[in-house]
Protein backbone atom coordinates (compact mmCIF):
# COMPACT_ATOMS: atom_id res chain seq x y z
CA MET A 1 34.54 9.76 24.04
CA THR A 2 32.35 12.29 22.29
CA VAL A 3 30.66 11.35 19.05
CA GLY A 4 30.69 14.22 16.56
CA VAL A 5 27.39 15.23 14.97
CA SER A 6 27.32 17.04 11.63
CA ASN A 7 26.14 20.61 11.82
CA PRO A 8 23.05 20.93 9.61
CA GLN A 9 24.54 24.22 8.36
CA ASP A 10 27.85 22.62 7.46
CA PRO A 11 28.45 23.43 3.75
CA ALA A 12 29.98 20.03 2.98
CA PHE A 13 27.00 18.24 4.53
CA GLU A 14 24.54 20.45 2.69
CA ARG A 15 26.26 19.77 -0.64
CA TRP A 16 26.19 16.03 0.01
CA LEU A 17 22.53 16.18 1.01
CA GLU A 18 21.60 18.09 -2.13
CA THR A 19 23.49 15.63 -4.32
CA GLN A 20 21.88 12.66 -2.61
CA LEU A 21 18.42 14.19 -2.94
CA SER A 22 18.89 14.65 -6.68
CA ARG A 23 20.12 11.08 -7.08
CA SER A 24 17.28 9.66 -5.02
CA ALA A 25 14.67 11.68 -6.91
CA SER A 26 16.08 10.54 -10.25
CA ALA A 27 16.07 6.90 -9.14
CA MET A 28 12.51 7.19 -7.84
CA LEU A 29 11.23 8.63 -11.10
CA ARG A 30 12.46 5.53 -12.95
CA SER A 31 9.89 3.51 -11.00
CA ILE A 32 6.97 5.65 -12.18
CA SER A 33 5.27 4.44 -15.37
CA PRO A 34 8.17 2.17 -16.42
CA VAL A 35 6.52 1.42 -19.75
CA SER A 36 9.84 0.72 -21.51
CA ILE A 37 10.55 -2.32 -19.30
CA VAL A 38 9.13 -5.77 -19.96
CA LYS A 39 9.17 -8.35 -17.19
CA HIS A 40 9.20 -12.05 -18.08
CA ARG A 41 8.29 -14.54 -15.36
CA ALA A 42 9.10 -17.54 -17.49
CA GLY A 43 8.46 -20.08 -14.73
CA PHE A 44 4.90 -18.77 -14.41
CA GLY A 45 4.25 -18.32 -18.12
CA GLN A 46 3.76 -14.61 -17.55
CA THR A 47 4.91 -11.51 -19.42
CA VAL A 48 4.24 -8.15 -17.79
CA ARG A 49 4.25 -4.94 -19.85
CA PRO A 50 3.66 -1.97 -17.53
CA VAL A 51 1.11 0.68 -18.39
CA ALA A 52 1.16 4.39 -17.59
CA GLY A 53 0.36 5.16 -13.96
CA ALA A 54 1.89 2.05 -12.44
CA ILE A 55 4.63 2.56 -9.85
CA VAL A 56 6.91 -0.41 -9.34
CA ALA A 57 8.73 -1.00 -6.08
CA SER A 58 11.90 -1.54 -8.09
CA PRO A 59 12.65 -1.27 -11.82
CA VAL A 60 15.42 -3.84 -11.38
CA LEU A 61 14.35 -7.09 -13.04
CA GLY A 62 15.29 -9.45 -10.24
CA ASP A 63 14.34 -13.08 -10.08
CA TYR A 64 15.76 -14.04 -6.68
CA ASN A 65 19.16 -14.53 -8.30
CA PRO A 66 19.95 -12.90 -5.87
CA ASP A 67 17.86 -9.72 -6.34
CA PRO A 68 14.20 -10.30 -5.38
CA ASP A 69 11.35 -9.79 -7.81
CA TYR A 70 9.89 -6.44 -6.78
CA PHE A 71 8.41 -5.59 -10.17
CA PHE A 72 4.95 -5.02 -8.70
CA HIS A 73 2.73 -2.03 -7.98
CA TRP A 74 2.31 -2.01 -4.20
CA PHE A 75 -0.64 0.09 -3.03
CA ARG A 76 1.21 1.29 0.06
CA ASP A 77 4.55 2.02 -1.63
CA SER A 78 2.95 3.78 -4.59
CA ALA A 79 1.09 6.11 -2.22
CA VAL A 80 4.38 7.11 -0.57
CA VAL A 81 5.98 7.70 -3.98
CA ILE A 82 3.11 9.85 -5.27
CA ASP A 83 3.36 11.95 -2.08
CA ALA A 84 7.13 12.33 -2.57
CA LEU A 85 6.41 13.42 -6.14
CA ARG A 86 4.24 16.21 -4.73
CA LEU A 87 7.15 17.47 -2.63
CA LEU A 88 9.47 17.47 -5.64
CA TYR A 89 6.86 19.40 -7.62
CA ALA A 90 6.26 21.92 -4.82
CA GLN A 91 10.01 22.52 -4.56
CA ARG A 92 10.23 22.92 -8.36
CA ARG A 93 12.64 20.03 -8.67
CA ILE A 94 10.33 18.56 -11.28
CA GLY A 95 8.07 20.30 -13.77
CA ASP A 96 4.53 19.77 -14.96
CA GLU A 97 5.32 16.16 -15.87
CA ALA A 98 4.53 15.48 -12.22
CA LEU A 99 0.89 16.35 -12.91
CA GLY A 100 0.89 13.92 -15.80
CA HIS A 101 2.24 11.21 -13.51
CA LEU A 102 -0.48 12.00 -10.97
CA ARG A 103 -3.19 11.81 -13.65
CA ASP A 104 -1.86 8.47 -14.91
CA PHE A 105 -1.58 7.14 -11.35
CA THR A 106 -5.18 8.11 -10.63
CA ARG A 107 -6.50 6.44 -13.77
CA PHE A 108 -4.43 3.31 -13.13
CA SER A 109 -5.68 3.07 -9.54
CA LEU A 110 -9.33 3.50 -10.51
CA ALA A 111 -8.99 0.86 -13.23
CA VAL A 112 -7.38 -1.60 -10.81
CA ASN A 113 -10.31 -1.20 -8.42
CA GLY A 114 -12.50 -2.90 -11.00
CA LEU A 115 -10.44 -6.10 -11.28
CA ASP A 116 -12.21 -9.42 -10.71
CA GLY A 117 -10.25 -12.50 -9.70
CA ARG A 118 -13.10 -14.81 -10.70
CA ALA A 119 -12.17 -14.32 -14.35
CA VAL A 120 -8.55 -15.21 -13.62
CA ALA A 121 -9.46 -18.33 -11.65
CA ALA A 122 -11.72 -19.51 -14.47
CA VAL A 123 -8.93 -19.57 -17.08
CA PRO A 124 -8.53 -23.23 -18.13
CA GLY A 125 -5.10 -24.82 -17.76
CA ARG A 126 -3.76 -22.03 -15.59
CA GLN A 127 -1.58 -24.38 -13.53
CA ALA A 128 -0.22 -26.11 -16.66
CA ARG A 129 1.70 -22.96 -17.61
CA VAL A 130 3.66 -22.99 -14.36
CA ALA A 131 6.89 -24.93 -13.82
CA PRO A 132 6.27 -27.85 -11.43
CA GLU A 133 8.77 -26.58 -8.86
CA LEU A 134 6.97 -23.21 -8.76
CA LEU A 135 3.42 -24.49 -8.27
CA GLN A 136 3.86 -24.09 -4.51
CA TYR A 137 4.01 -20.30 -5.04
CA LEU A 138 0.91 -20.10 -7.25
CA ARG A 139 -2.30 -18.85 -5.68
CA GLU A 140 -5.20 -21.27 -5.45
CA ASP A 141 -8.28 -20.77 -7.62
CA HIS A 142 -10.58 -20.25 -4.64
CA GLU A 143 -8.34 -17.49 -3.30
CA LEU A 144 -8.23 -15.64 -6.61
CA ALA A 145 -11.99 -16.07 -7.05
CA SER A 146 -12.53 -14.18 -3.78
CA VAL A 147 -10.74 -11.08 -5.10
CA HIS A 148 -13.37 -8.64 -6.28
CA GLY A 149 -14.92 -5.46 -4.91
CA ASP A 150 -13.18 -4.18 -1.80
CA ALA A 151 -10.94 -7.26 -1.71
CA VAL A 152 -8.97 -5.83 -4.65
CA SER A 153 -7.74 -2.87 -2.60
CA ALA A 154 -6.66 -5.25 0.15
CA GLU A 155 -4.54 -7.23 -2.31
CA THR A 156 -1.31 -5.52 -1.18
CA ARG A 157 0.06 -5.44 -4.73
CA VAL A 158 -0.86 -5.93 -8.40
CA ASN A 159 1.15 -6.31 -11.58
CA PRO A 160 2.17 -3.01 -13.20
CA ASP A 161 0.22 -3.98 -16.32
CA GLY A 162 -2.94 -3.62 -14.24
CA THR A 163 -3.61 -7.33 -13.67
CA LEU A 164 -3.93 -9.28 -10.45
CA ASP A 165 -0.88 -10.85 -8.86
CA ILE A 166 -1.11 -14.64 -9.20
CA LEU A 167 1.67 -15.32 -6.69
CA LYS A 168 1.21 -16.04 -3.01
CA TRP A 169 1.89 -13.10 -0.71
CA ALA A 170 0.84 -11.70 2.65
CA ARG A 171 -2.80 -10.65 2.26
CA PRO A 172 -4.98 -8.81 3.10
CA GLN A 173 -3.38 -5.47 3.90
CA HIS A 174 -5.59 -2.41 4.28
CA ASP A 175 -3.11 0.45 4.66
CA GLY A 176 -2.74 1.29 0.96
CA PRO A 177 -6.03 3.19 0.44
CA PRO A 178 -5.73 5.44 3.55
CA LEU A 179 -2.15 6.33 2.63
CA ARG A 180 -3.23 7.06 -0.92
CA ALA A 181 -6.12 9.21 0.26
CA MET A 182 -3.83 11.28 2.46
CA ALA A 183 -1.33 11.75 -0.37
CA LEU A 184 -4.03 12.86 -2.80
CA LEU A 185 -5.60 15.19 -0.26
CA ARG A 186 -2.20 16.85 0.18
CA TRP A 187 -2.02 17.40 -3.58
CA VAL A 188 -5.43 19.07 -3.44
CA ALA A 189 -4.67 21.13 -0.32
CA GLY A 190 -1.50 22.46 -1.94
CA GLY A 191 -3.53 24.05 -4.72
CA HIS A 192 -1.51 22.24 -7.38
CA LEU A 193 -4.41 20.80 -9.39
CA ASP A 194 -6.59 22.45 -11.96
CA ALA A 195 -10.32 21.76 -12.13
CA ALA A 196 -9.98 18.95 -14.67
CA LEU A 197 -7.38 17.03 -12.65
CA GLN A 198 -9.34 17.60 -9.43
CA ALA A 199 -12.37 16.05 -11.10
CA GLU A 200 -10.32 12.94 -11.91
CA VAL A 201 -8.76 12.64 -8.46
CA ALA A 202 -12.00 13.15 -6.51
CA PRO A 203 -13.56 9.68 -7.16
CA LEU A 204 -10.37 7.96 -6.00
CA ILE A 205 -10.26 10.03 -2.80
CA ARG A 206 -13.90 9.21 -2.12
CA PHE A 207 -13.28 5.50 -2.67
CA ASP A 208 -10.22 5.42 -0.42
CA ILE A 209 -11.93 7.27 2.42
CA ASP A 210 -14.97 5.00 2.22
CA PHE A 211 -12.74 1.90 2.09
CA THR A 212 -10.81 3.06 5.15
CA LEU A 213 -13.94 3.70 7.16
CA ARG A 214 -15.32 0.29 6.20
CA HIS A 215 -12.20 -1.73 7.01
CA TRP A 216 -10.13 -0.03 9.69
CA ARG A 217 -11.34 -2.51 12.31
CA GLU A 218 -10.21 -5.54 10.32
CA ARG A 219 -7.02 -7.34 11.23
CA PRO A 220 -4.46 -7.20 8.38
CA THR A 221 -1.87 -9.83 7.57
CA THR A 222 1.56 -8.84 8.81
CA SER A 223 3.66 -7.53 5.92
CA GLY A 224 6.12 -10.06 4.59
CA ARG A 225 4.74 -12.98 6.60
CA LYS A 226 2.88 -15.79 4.89
CA THR A 227 0.53 -17.72 7.15
CA SER A 228 -1.54 -20.79 6.50
CA ALA A 229 -5.31 -20.65 6.30
CA THR A 230 -5.51 -22.49 9.61
CA THR A 231 -3.24 -20.00 11.36
CA THR A 232 -5.12 -17.07 9.88
CA THR A 233 -8.42 -18.52 11.09
CA ARG A 234 -7.03 -19.04 14.59
CA CYS A 235 -5.76 -15.48 14.74
CA ALA A 236 -9.01 -14.06 13.40
CA SER A 237 -11.05 -16.05 15.91
CA ARG A 238 -9.14 -14.32 18.71
CA ARG A 239 -9.63 -10.81 17.34
CA PRO A 240 -11.09 -8.75 20.18
CA ARG A 241 -14.07 -6.50 19.73
CA TRP A 242 -13.69 -2.79 20.36
CA PRO A 243 -15.13 -2.00 23.80
CA LYS A 244 -18.05 0.28 24.45
CA ALA A 245 -16.77 1.21 27.89
CA ARG A 246 -16.34 4.84 28.84
CA HIS A 247 -12.53 4.52 28.79
CA GLY A 248 -12.51 4.27 24.99
CA TRP A 249 -10.44 2.25 22.55
CA ARG A 250 -7.02 3.71 23.42
CA SER A 251 -7.07 2.88 27.13
CA TRP A 252 -8.58 -0.52 26.34
CA ALA A 253 -5.70 -1.33 23.98
CA THR A 254 -3.17 -0.18 26.56
CA ARG A 255 -4.69 -2.51 29.15
CA ARG A 256 -4.59 -5.36 26.65
CA TRP A 257 -0.90 -4.76 25.92
CA ARG A 258 0.06 -4.60 29.60
CA GLY A 259 -1.94 -7.67 30.54
CA ALA A 260 -0.54 -9.67 27.64
CA ALA A 261 3.03 -8.63 28.41
CA ALA A 262 2.59 -9.69 32.03
CA THR A 263 1.39 -13.18 31.11
CA ASN A 264 3.62 -13.57 28.01
CA ARG A 265 0.72 -15.28 26.24
CA ARG A 266 1.20 -16.49 22.64
CA PRO A 267 -2.10 -17.32 20.89
CA CYS A 268 -0.54 -18.88 17.76
CA ASP A 269 2.73 -19.82 16.09
CA ALA A 270 2.50 -16.97 13.58
CA CYS A 271 3.09 -14.38 16.30
CA SER A 272 6.69 -13.21 16.57
CA THR A 273 6.30 -10.54 19.26
CA THR A 274 5.47 -11.01 22.91
CA THR A 275 1.84 -11.80 22.19
CA GLY A 276 -0.50 -11.99 19.26
CA SER A 277 -3.01 -9.75 21.02
CA MET A 278 -0.41 -6.96 21.28
CA LYS A 279 0.30 -7.19 17.57
CA GLU A 280 -3.39 -7.34 16.80
CA ALA A 281 -4.18 -4.28 18.88
CA LYS A 282 -1.31 -2.28 17.43
CA GLU A 283 -2.32 -3.08 13.86
CA MET A 284 -5.92 -2.13 14.55
CA ILE A 285 -4.83 1.11 16.21
CA ALA A 286 -2.67 1.92 13.18
CA MET A 287 -5.70 1.59 10.92
CA ARG A 288 -7.80 3.59 13.38
CA ARG A 289 -5.24 6.39 13.33
CA ALA A 290 -5.16 6.31 9.53
CA ALA A 291 -8.94 6.66 9.39
CA THR A 292 -8.81 9.49 11.92
CA THR A 293 -6.12 11.29 9.92
CA VAL A 294 -8.10 10.97 6.70
CA ARG A 295 -11.15 12.44 8.40
CA ALA A 296 -9.04 15.26 9.85
CA CYS A 297 -7.62 16.11 6.41
CA TRP A 298 -11.15 16.09 5.05
CA ARG A 299 -12.46 18.44 7.74
CA ALA A 300 -9.47 20.76 7.37
CA ALA A 301 -10.09 21.19 3.66
CA SER A 302 -11.83 24.35 2.52
CA PRO A 303 -15.60 24.14 1.96
CA ALA A 304 -15.04 24.40 -1.81
CA ARG A 305 -12.70 21.42 -1.84
CA ARG A 306 -15.06 19.42 0.34
CA ARG A 307 -17.87 20.10 -2.12
CA TRP A 308 -16.06 18.69 -5.16
CA THR A 309 -15.09 15.51 -3.32
CA SER A 310 -18.69 15.04 -2.14
CA ARG A 311 -20.26 14.99 -5.57
C-alpha cells in the first residue's frame, strides 16, 4: 500500500497552508503585549496586569480547569516568538508595528534582568495570602532570595507584568538568553532596524552573549520536571568536567553516552532516560552549541554591526 504525499505545488495544499499561516500569525500576535488581559490567581492573592513587551505562552486564562495556567513570559518561548515576528515582518505580513513590538520586548527584557528576589522574599505575611491547599506550590523564601543577577535570566519564566514568578517550576534553565541573542542578531543582520532601535537592542544582545558564555557549562533542570533539592544536589555532584584531552568535548561526550548505554547506569531517580550522564552530556552539548552559534553569528556580522554591539 502506497501512502500518498501532498505535492508542495498542489494548489489546494498551498491555499490551505496560506490560510493556516495567517491564522497562526494572528493567534501568535495576541500573545504579544496582551495589556488588555488581567490575570487573577485568587488562590495566591495575585493579580497580574501585563505590560508592553511581555509575550505570554498563552493568552487563554486557564487555571488547570482543565486548561493549564500558561499566562507567563517564558524566556525561551518569547525568543522564538520574536524571531517568528521577524519573519512575518520580512515577508510583509505585518507592518511597522513589528518594530514597536521588538522595542517593547527589548525594554521589557532589560527591565526584567534587574529583578531582585530578595525584596519579594522579605515581604511580610507572604504565605498568609495563599490558600492552605496551594502552599505546596509556593516557592520558599530562601529560593526567591537567591534570584538576583544572572539567576534572573535562568528563572525560566516571569510574570507578564515584569515581576518574578512565585510558583514552583523547573529551574534553572539557561537556554532563553542564547535563543534571544540569536533572534535579535537575525533582526540586526536583516537590516530591519534603524540606528535608534539598534542602540536599544545592543545592550540586550551583549548581555545575552555574555550570559551564554558564562553559563553554557552548567547543567540545567529538565524542562517540565520538578526535582527535590536532594535530587538536584545528587545530580549536580555527578556532573562531569569537560576533558582537556586532545580528542575534545564532542568525542568525550560520545564515549560517555556509549559507555553509559552499555552499563545502563542510573545515577538518580530523576533520570527518565537510559542514564543521567547521557542526559547531562546532551544538555551541556546543547548549551555549547548555542554558545558556538551565538559566536558564529557575531563573527559573521559586518564590522559596523560588531562595533555598535561592542560599545
